[in-house]
């Protein structure tokens, strides 16, 4: 009599779980009482990966509340809590983040400032005093 073996997705998941757990146990000391939990964790992780589910990752906790991160004279970096007039260089140097990546990581709006409001105002005033942004009076 020919026996037809049906290898379902669940069977494959059990096989993978057994292989991973066996490899882990052969290289690490695991208490017998911890085996059921280990097996369940590996099975769950492989199952969520196989089903295409994204593991739920919590958004990192900012160094300061977002509302308090923008002050008139400085901006506080949500990564490390340091105060800056301009945040862009710090983000790239220490965290390799562009302003857009930083905003996305922390769930900030697209218009979230990278420069302290007072500093931006002072630079704007200085540029206007120098005549920048105006058409030239005659010339080439």
N, C-alpha and C. Protein backbone atom coordinates (compact mmCIF):
# COMPACT_ATOMS: atom_id res chain seq x y z
N UNK A 1 0.84 -1.15 0.00
CA UNK A 1 0.00 0.00 0.00
C UNK A 1 0.90 1.23 0.00
N UNK A 2 0.58 2.16 -0.92
CA UNK A 2 1.34 3.40 -1.01
C UNK A 2 0.77 4.43 -0.05
N UNK A 3 1.67 4.95 0.73
CA UNK A 3 1.24 5.96 1.69
C UNK A 3 1.63 7.33 1.15
N UNK A 4 0.67 8.21 1.04
CA UNK A 4 0.92 9.56 0.55
C UNK A 4 1.17 10.45 1.75
N UNK A 5 2.34 11.07 1.74
CA UNK A 5 2.68 11.97 2.84
C UNK A 5 2.38 13.39 2.39
N UNK A 6 1.55 14.04 3.13
CA UNK A 6 1.25 15.43 2.81
C UNK A 6 2.04 16.32 3.76
N UNK A 7 2.90 17.10 3.18
CA UNK A 7 3.74 18.00 3.97
C UNK A 7 3.09 19.37 3.97
N UNK A 8 2.34 19.63 5.00
CA UNK A 8 1.64 20.91 5.08
C UNK A 8 2.56 21.97 5.64
N UNK A 9 2.07 23.16 5.60
CA UNK A 9 2.82 24.30 6.13
C UNK A 9 3.09 24.12 7.62
N UNK A 10 2.11 23.58 8.34
CA UNK A 10 2.28 23.37 9.78
C UNK A 10 3.36 22.33 10.06
N UNK A 11 3.39 21.26 9.25
CA UNK A 11 4.42 20.25 9.43
C UNK A 11 5.81 20.84 9.21
N UNK A 12 5.91 21.67 8.19
CA UNK A 12 7.19 22.30 7.88
C UNK A 12 7.61 23.23 9.02
N UNK A 13 6.66 23.94 9.58
CA UNK A 13 6.93 24.84 10.70
C UNK A 13 7.42 24.06 11.92
N UNK A 14 6.81 22.91 12.17
CA UNK A 14 7.24 22.07 13.29
C UNK A 14 8.66 21.55 13.06
N UNK A 15 8.95 21.15 11.82
CA UNK A 15 10.30 20.67 11.50
C UNK A 15 11.34 21.77 11.71
N UNK A 16 11.04 22.95 11.21
CA UNK A 16 11.96 24.07 11.38
C UNK A 16 12.17 24.40 12.85
N UNK A 17 11.08 24.40 13.61
CA UNK A 17 11.17 24.67 15.04
C UNK A 17 12.07 23.66 15.72
N UNK A 18 11.89 22.39 15.38
CA UNK A 18 12.71 21.33 15.98
C UNK A 18 14.18 21.51 15.64
N UNK A 19 14.47 21.87 14.39
CA UNK A 19 15.86 22.07 13.98
C UNK A 19 16.51 23.24 14.72
N UNK A 20 15.78 24.34 14.82
CA UNK A 20 16.32 25.53 15.49
C UNK A 20 16.55 25.24 16.97
N UNK A 21 15.56 24.65 17.61
CA UNK A 21 15.69 24.34 19.04
C UNK A 21 16.82 23.34 19.28
N UNK A 22 16.92 22.32 18.44
CA UNK A 22 17.98 21.32 18.59
C UNK A 22 19.36 21.98 18.45
N UNK A 23 19.50 22.86 17.48
CA UNK A 23 20.78 23.54 17.29
C UNK A 23 21.09 24.43 18.48
N UNK A 24 20.10 25.12 19.00
CA UNK A 24 20.30 26.01 20.14
C UNK A 24 20.69 25.21 21.39
N UNK A 25 19.96 24.14 21.64
CA UNK A 25 20.19 23.33 22.84
C UNK A 25 21.55 22.63 22.78
N UNK A 26 22.00 22.26 21.58
CA UNK A 26 23.29 21.59 21.47
C UNK A 26 24.46 22.54 21.73
N UNK A 27 24.23 23.83 21.63
CA UNK A 27 25.30 24.81 21.84
C UNK A 27 25.13 25.65 23.09
N UNK A 28 24.02 25.50 23.81
CA UNK A 28 23.75 26.30 24.99
C UNK A 28 23.19 25.43 26.10
N UNK A 29 23.44 25.84 27.33
CA UNK A 29 22.89 25.12 28.47
C UNK A 29 21.46 25.62 28.70
N UNK A 30 20.51 24.70 28.63
CA UNK A 30 19.10 25.05 28.81
C UNK A 30 18.51 24.10 29.85
N UNK A 31 17.83 24.66 30.83
CA UNK A 31 17.17 23.84 31.84
C UNK A 31 15.99 23.11 31.20
N UNK A 32 15.73 21.92 31.66
CA UNK A 32 14.62 21.13 31.13
C UNK A 32 13.30 21.88 31.28
N UNK A 33 13.15 22.58 32.37
CA UNK A 33 11.90 23.31 32.61
C UNK A 33 11.72 24.48 31.65
N UNK A 34 12.82 24.94 31.03
CA UNK A 34 12.75 26.07 30.09
C UNK A 34 12.46 25.64 28.65
N UNK A 35 12.56 24.35 28.37
CA UNK A 35 12.36 23.87 27.00
C UNK A 35 10.99 24.18 26.41
N UNK A 36 9.89 23.94 27.13
CA UNK A 36 8.59 24.25 26.52
C UNK A 36 8.45 25.72 26.12
N UNK A 37 8.94 26.62 26.96
CA UNK A 37 8.88 28.04 26.63
C UNK A 37 9.74 28.38 25.43
N UNK A 38 10.93 27.79 25.37
CA UNK A 38 11.83 28.01 24.25
C UNK A 38 11.19 27.53 22.95
N UNK A 39 10.62 26.33 23.00
CA UNK A 39 9.96 25.77 21.81
C UNK A 39 8.80 26.66 21.37
N UNK A 40 8.00 27.11 22.32
CA UNK A 40 6.86 27.97 21.99
C UNK A 40 7.32 29.29 21.38
N UNK A 41 8.37 29.88 21.94
CA UNK A 41 8.88 31.15 21.41
C UNK A 41 9.41 31.00 19.99
N UNK A 42 10.18 29.94 19.75
CA UNK A 42 10.73 29.72 18.42
C UNK A 42 9.61 29.44 17.43
N UNK A 43 8.66 28.61 17.81
CA UNK A 43 7.53 28.29 16.93
C UNK A 43 6.73 29.54 16.60
N UNK A 44 6.47 30.36 17.60
CA UNK A 44 5.72 31.59 17.38
C UNK A 44 6.47 32.55 16.46
N UNK A 45 7.77 32.69 16.69
CA UNK A 45 8.57 33.59 15.85
C UNK A 45 8.62 33.11 14.41
N UNK A 46 8.83 31.82 14.21
CA UNK A 46 8.86 31.28 12.85
C UNK A 46 7.48 31.37 12.20
N UNK A 47 6.44 31.16 12.99
CA UNK A 47 5.08 31.24 12.44
C UNK A 47 4.73 32.64 11.99
N UNK A 48 5.11 33.65 12.76
CA UNK A 48 4.80 35.02 12.36
C UNK A 48 5.64 35.44 11.16
N UNK A 49 6.86 34.93 11.06
CA UNK A 49 7.70 35.22 9.91
C UNK A 49 7.13 34.56 8.66
N UNK A 50 6.70 33.32 8.79
CA UNK A 50 6.16 32.59 7.65
C UNK A 50 4.86 33.19 7.15
N UNK A 51 4.06 33.73 8.06
CA UNK A 51 2.78 34.29 7.66
C UNK A 51 2.91 35.71 7.12
N UNK A 52 4.10 36.28 7.20
CA UNK A 52 4.31 37.62 6.67
C UNK A 52 3.95 38.71 7.65
N UNK A 53 3.65 38.35 8.87
CA UNK A 53 3.32 39.36 9.87
C UNK A 53 4.58 40.10 10.26
N UNK A 54 4.44 41.38 10.48
CA UNK A 54 5.56 42.14 11.01
C UNK A 54 5.52 42.05 12.52
N UNK A 55 6.64 41.75 13.13
CA UNK A 55 6.61 41.73 14.59
C UNK A 55 6.31 43.12 15.12
N UNK A 56 5.56 43.16 16.18
CA UNK A 56 5.19 44.46 16.72
C UNK A 56 6.39 45.04 17.45
N UNK A 57 6.89 46.12 16.90
CA UNK A 57 8.01 46.80 17.52
C UNK A 57 7.51 48.10 18.10
N UNK A 58 7.90 48.34 19.32
CA UNK A 58 7.50 49.57 19.96
C UNK A 58 8.38 50.70 19.46
N UNK A 59 7.78 51.86 19.31
CA UNK A 59 8.55 53.03 18.93
C UNK A 59 9.47 53.36 20.10
N UNK A 60 10.72 53.71 19.81
CA UNK A 60 11.63 54.02 20.90
C UNK A 60 11.14 55.21 21.72
N UNK A 61 11.53 55.24 22.97
CA UNK A 61 11.09 56.32 23.86
C UNK A 61 12.05 57.49 23.70
N UNK A 62 11.54 58.69 23.42
CA UNK A 62 12.42 59.85 23.26
C UNK A 62 13.04 60.28 24.58
N UNK A 63 14.19 60.95 24.48
CA UNK A 63 14.89 61.43 25.67
C UNK A 63 14.06 62.47 26.42
N UNK A 64 13.27 63.24 25.69
CA UNK A 64 12.35 64.23 26.28
C UNK A 64 11.02 64.13 25.55
N UNK A 65 9.93 64.59 26.15
CA UNK A 65 8.66 64.59 25.42
C UNK A 65 8.76 65.46 24.16
N UNK A 66 8.11 65.02 23.09
CA UNK A 66 8.18 65.73 21.81
C UNK A 66 7.73 67.17 21.97
N UNK A 67 6.69 67.41 22.75
CA UNK A 67 6.18 68.78 22.94
C UNK A 67 7.22 69.71 23.54
N UNK A 68 8.09 69.17 24.38
CA UNK A 68 9.09 70.00 25.04
C UNK A 68 10.40 70.07 24.26
N UNK A 69 10.48 69.40 23.13
CA UNK A 69 11.74 69.34 22.39
C UNK A 69 12.05 70.61 21.61
N UNK A 70 11.04 71.41 21.29
CA UNK A 70 11.28 72.65 20.56
C UNK A 70 11.08 73.82 21.51
N UNK A 71 12.17 74.50 21.83
CA UNK A 71 12.14 75.70 22.65
C UNK A 71 12.54 76.87 21.75
N UNK A 72 12.33 78.08 22.20
CA UNK A 72 12.64 79.24 21.37
C UNK A 72 14.14 79.32 21.05
N UNK A 73 14.99 79.06 22.03
CA UNK A 73 16.43 79.23 21.83
C UNK A 73 17.17 77.95 21.43
N UNK A 74 16.53 76.82 21.52
CA UNK A 74 17.20 75.57 21.19
C UNK A 74 16.19 74.48 20.87
N UNK A 75 16.71 73.41 20.24
CA UNK A 75 15.93 72.21 19.97
C UNK A 75 16.62 71.07 20.71
N UNK A 76 15.85 70.23 21.37
CA UNK A 76 16.41 69.10 22.09
C UNK A 76 16.32 67.86 21.21
N UNK A 77 17.45 67.18 21.05
CA UNK A 77 17.50 65.96 20.25
C UNK A 77 16.74 64.85 20.99
N UNK A 78 15.81 64.21 20.31
CA UNK A 78 15.03 63.14 20.92
C UNK A 78 15.86 61.88 21.12
N UNK A 79 16.97 61.76 20.42
CA UNK A 79 17.85 60.60 20.55
C UNK A 79 18.60 60.60 21.88
N UNK A 80 19.18 61.76 22.23
CA UNK A 80 20.07 61.80 23.39
C UNK A 80 19.79 62.92 24.38
N UNK A 81 18.83 63.80 24.09
CA UNK A 81 18.46 64.86 25.03
C UNK A 81 19.38 66.07 25.01
N UNK A 82 20.30 66.16 24.06
CA UNK A 82 21.21 67.31 23.99
C UNK A 82 20.52 68.48 23.31
N UNK A 83 20.93 69.72 23.69
CA UNK A 83 20.34 70.94 23.15
C UNK A 83 21.19 71.48 22.01
N UNK A 84 20.51 71.93 20.94
CA UNK A 84 21.19 72.48 19.77
C UNK A 84 20.42 73.64 19.19
N UNK A 85 21.15 74.55 18.51
CA UNK A 85 20.50 75.58 17.72
C UNK A 85 20.08 74.97 16.38
N UNK A 86 20.94 74.10 15.85
CA UNK A 86 20.66 73.40 14.60
C UNK A 86 20.95 71.92 14.81
N UNK A 87 20.01 71.09 14.47
CA UNK A 87 20.07 69.66 14.79
C UNK A 87 20.63 68.79 13.66
N UNK A 88 20.60 69.29 12.44
CA UNK A 88 20.91 68.48 11.27
C UNK A 88 22.29 67.82 11.32
N UNK A 89 23.33 68.59 11.60
CA UNK A 89 24.69 68.04 11.61
C UNK A 89 24.86 66.99 12.71
N UNK A 90 24.29 67.25 13.88
CA UNK A 90 24.38 66.30 14.99
C UNK A 90 23.75 64.96 14.61
N UNK A 91 22.59 65.02 13.97
CA UNK A 91 21.90 63.79 13.58
C UNK A 91 22.72 62.97 12.60
N UNK A 92 23.33 63.63 11.63
CA UNK A 92 24.11 62.92 10.62
C UNK A 92 25.41 62.39 11.22
N UNK A 93 26.07 63.20 12.05
CA UNK A 93 27.37 62.81 12.61
C UNK A 93 27.27 61.65 13.59
N UNK A 94 26.32 61.73 14.49
CA UNK A 94 26.24 60.73 15.56
C UNK A 94 25.27 59.59 15.30
N UNK A 95 24.26 59.81 14.47
CA UNK A 95 23.24 58.79 14.28
C UNK A 95 23.03 58.40 12.82
N UNK A 96 23.75 59.04 11.91
CA UNK A 96 23.62 58.78 10.47
C UNK A 96 22.17 58.90 10.02
N UNK A 97 21.48 59.90 10.53
CA UNK A 97 20.07 60.14 10.18
C UNK A 97 19.93 61.46 9.44
N UNK A 98 19.16 61.44 8.36
CA UNK A 98 18.79 62.68 7.71
C UNK A 98 17.62 63.27 8.49
N UNK A 99 17.30 64.55 8.29
CA UNK A 99 16.14 65.11 8.98
C UNK A 99 14.84 64.34 8.70
N UNK A 100 14.66 63.89 7.46
CA UNK A 100 13.44 63.14 7.13
C UNK A 100 13.41 61.79 7.84
N UNK A 101 14.54 61.11 7.93
CA UNK A 101 14.59 59.82 8.65
C UNK A 101 14.33 60.02 10.14
N UNK A 102 14.87 61.10 10.68
CA UNK A 102 14.66 61.43 12.10
C UNK A 102 13.17 61.68 12.36
N UNK A 103 12.55 62.47 11.49
CA UNK A 103 11.12 62.76 11.65
C UNK A 103 10.30 61.47 11.56
N UNK A 104 10.66 60.61 10.62
CA UNK A 104 9.92 59.35 10.45
C UNK A 104 10.11 58.44 11.66
N UNK A 105 11.34 58.34 12.14
CA UNK A 105 11.63 57.47 13.28
C UNK A 105 10.81 57.86 14.51
N UNK A 106 10.67 59.15 14.74
CA UNK A 106 9.98 59.63 15.93
C UNK A 106 8.53 60.00 15.66
N UNK A 107 8.04 59.80 14.43
CA UNK A 107 6.64 60.09 14.12
C UNK A 107 6.33 61.58 14.17
N UNK A 108 7.28 62.39 13.71
CA UNK A 108 7.12 63.85 13.75
C UNK A 108 6.52 64.35 12.44
N UNK A 109 5.82 65.48 12.48
CA UNK A 109 5.25 66.03 11.24
C UNK A 109 6.36 66.52 10.30
N UNK A 110 6.03 66.63 9.02
CA UNK A 110 7.01 67.04 8.02
C UNK A 110 7.55 68.45 8.27
N UNK A 111 6.77 69.28 8.95
CA UNK A 111 7.22 70.65 9.21
C UNK A 111 7.92 70.81 10.57
N UNK A 112 8.28 69.70 11.21
CA UNK A 112 9.00 69.77 12.48
C UNK A 112 10.34 70.45 12.23
N UNK A 113 10.67 71.49 13.00
CA UNK A 113 11.89 72.26 12.72
C UNK A 113 13.18 71.52 13.09
N UNK A 114 14.22 71.79 12.33
CA UNK A 114 15.56 71.28 12.63
C UNK A 114 16.44 72.39 13.19
N UNK A 115 15.88 73.61 13.28
CA UNK A 115 16.61 74.77 13.77
C UNK A 115 15.74 75.46 14.81
N UNK A 116 16.37 75.96 15.88
CA UNK A 116 15.63 76.67 16.92
C UNK A 116 14.95 77.90 16.34
N UNK A 117 13.70 78.18 16.72
CA UNK A 117 12.97 79.32 16.16
C UNK A 117 13.71 80.65 16.28
N UNK A 118 14.31 80.95 17.41
CA UNK A 118 15.03 82.23 17.59
C UNK A 118 16.23 82.30 16.66
N UNK A 119 16.92 81.20 16.47
CA UNK A 119 18.08 81.16 15.59
C UNK A 119 17.63 81.37 14.14
N UNK A 120 16.55 80.73 13.74
CA UNK A 120 16.03 80.89 12.38
C UNK A 120 15.63 82.35 12.14
N UNK A 121 15.00 82.96 13.12
CA UNK A 121 14.58 84.36 13.00
C UNK A 121 15.79 85.28 12.88
N UNK A 122 16.82 85.05 13.68
CA UNK A 122 18.03 85.87 13.63
C UNK A 122 18.72 85.73 12.28
N UNK A 123 18.81 84.52 11.76
CA UNK A 123 19.44 84.31 10.45
C UNK A 123 18.62 84.96 9.33
N UNK A 124 17.30 84.88 9.45
CA UNK A 124 16.43 85.51 8.46
C UNK A 124 16.61 87.02 8.47
N UNK A 125 16.65 87.60 9.66
CA UNK A 125 16.82 89.05 9.80
C UNK A 125 18.16 89.47 9.21
N UNK A 126 19.21 88.74 9.49
CA UNK A 126 20.54 89.03 8.98
C UNK A 126 20.57 88.96 7.45
N UNK A 127 19.94 87.96 6.88
CA UNK A 127 19.90 87.81 5.43
C UNK A 127 19.15 88.97 4.78
N UNK A 128 18.06 89.39 5.40
CA UNK A 128 17.29 90.52 4.86
C UNK A 128 18.09 91.81 4.93
N UNK A 129 18.83 92.01 6.02
CA UNK A 129 19.67 93.20 6.16
C UNK A 129 20.76 93.23 5.10
N UNK A 130 21.24 92.07 4.71
CA UNK A 130 22.28 91.98 3.68
C UNK A 130 21.70 92.11 2.28
N UNK A 131 20.37 92.12 2.17
CA UNK A 131 19.72 92.25 0.88
C UNK A 131 19.57 90.95 0.12
N UNK A 132 19.76 89.84 0.80
CA UNK A 132 19.60 88.55 0.13
C UNK A 132 18.12 88.29 -0.15
N UNK A 133 17.85 87.66 -1.26
CA UNK A 133 16.49 87.31 -1.62
C UNK A 133 15.75 88.42 -2.36
N UNK A 134 16.45 89.49 -2.70
CA UNK A 134 15.83 90.58 -3.45
C UNK A 134 16.49 90.66 -4.82
N UNK A 135 15.74 91.18 -5.77
CA UNK A 135 16.29 91.33 -7.11
C UNK A 135 17.35 92.42 -7.09
N UNK A 136 18.34 92.26 -7.92
CA UNK A 136 19.42 93.24 -8.03
C UNK A 136 18.91 94.49 -8.73
N UNK A 137 19.47 95.61 -8.36
CA UNK A 137 19.10 96.88 -8.99
C UNK A 137 20.01 97.10 -10.19
N UNK A 138 19.56 96.67 -11.34
CA UNK A 138 20.36 96.83 -12.56
C UNK A 138 21.57 95.92 -12.54
N UNK A 139 22.45 96.06 -13.46
CA UNK A 139 23.64 95.22 -13.51
C UNK A 139 23.49 94.16 -14.56
N UNK A 140 24.29 93.18 -14.45
CA UNK A 140 24.37 92.14 -15.49
C UNK A 140 23.27 91.14 -15.40
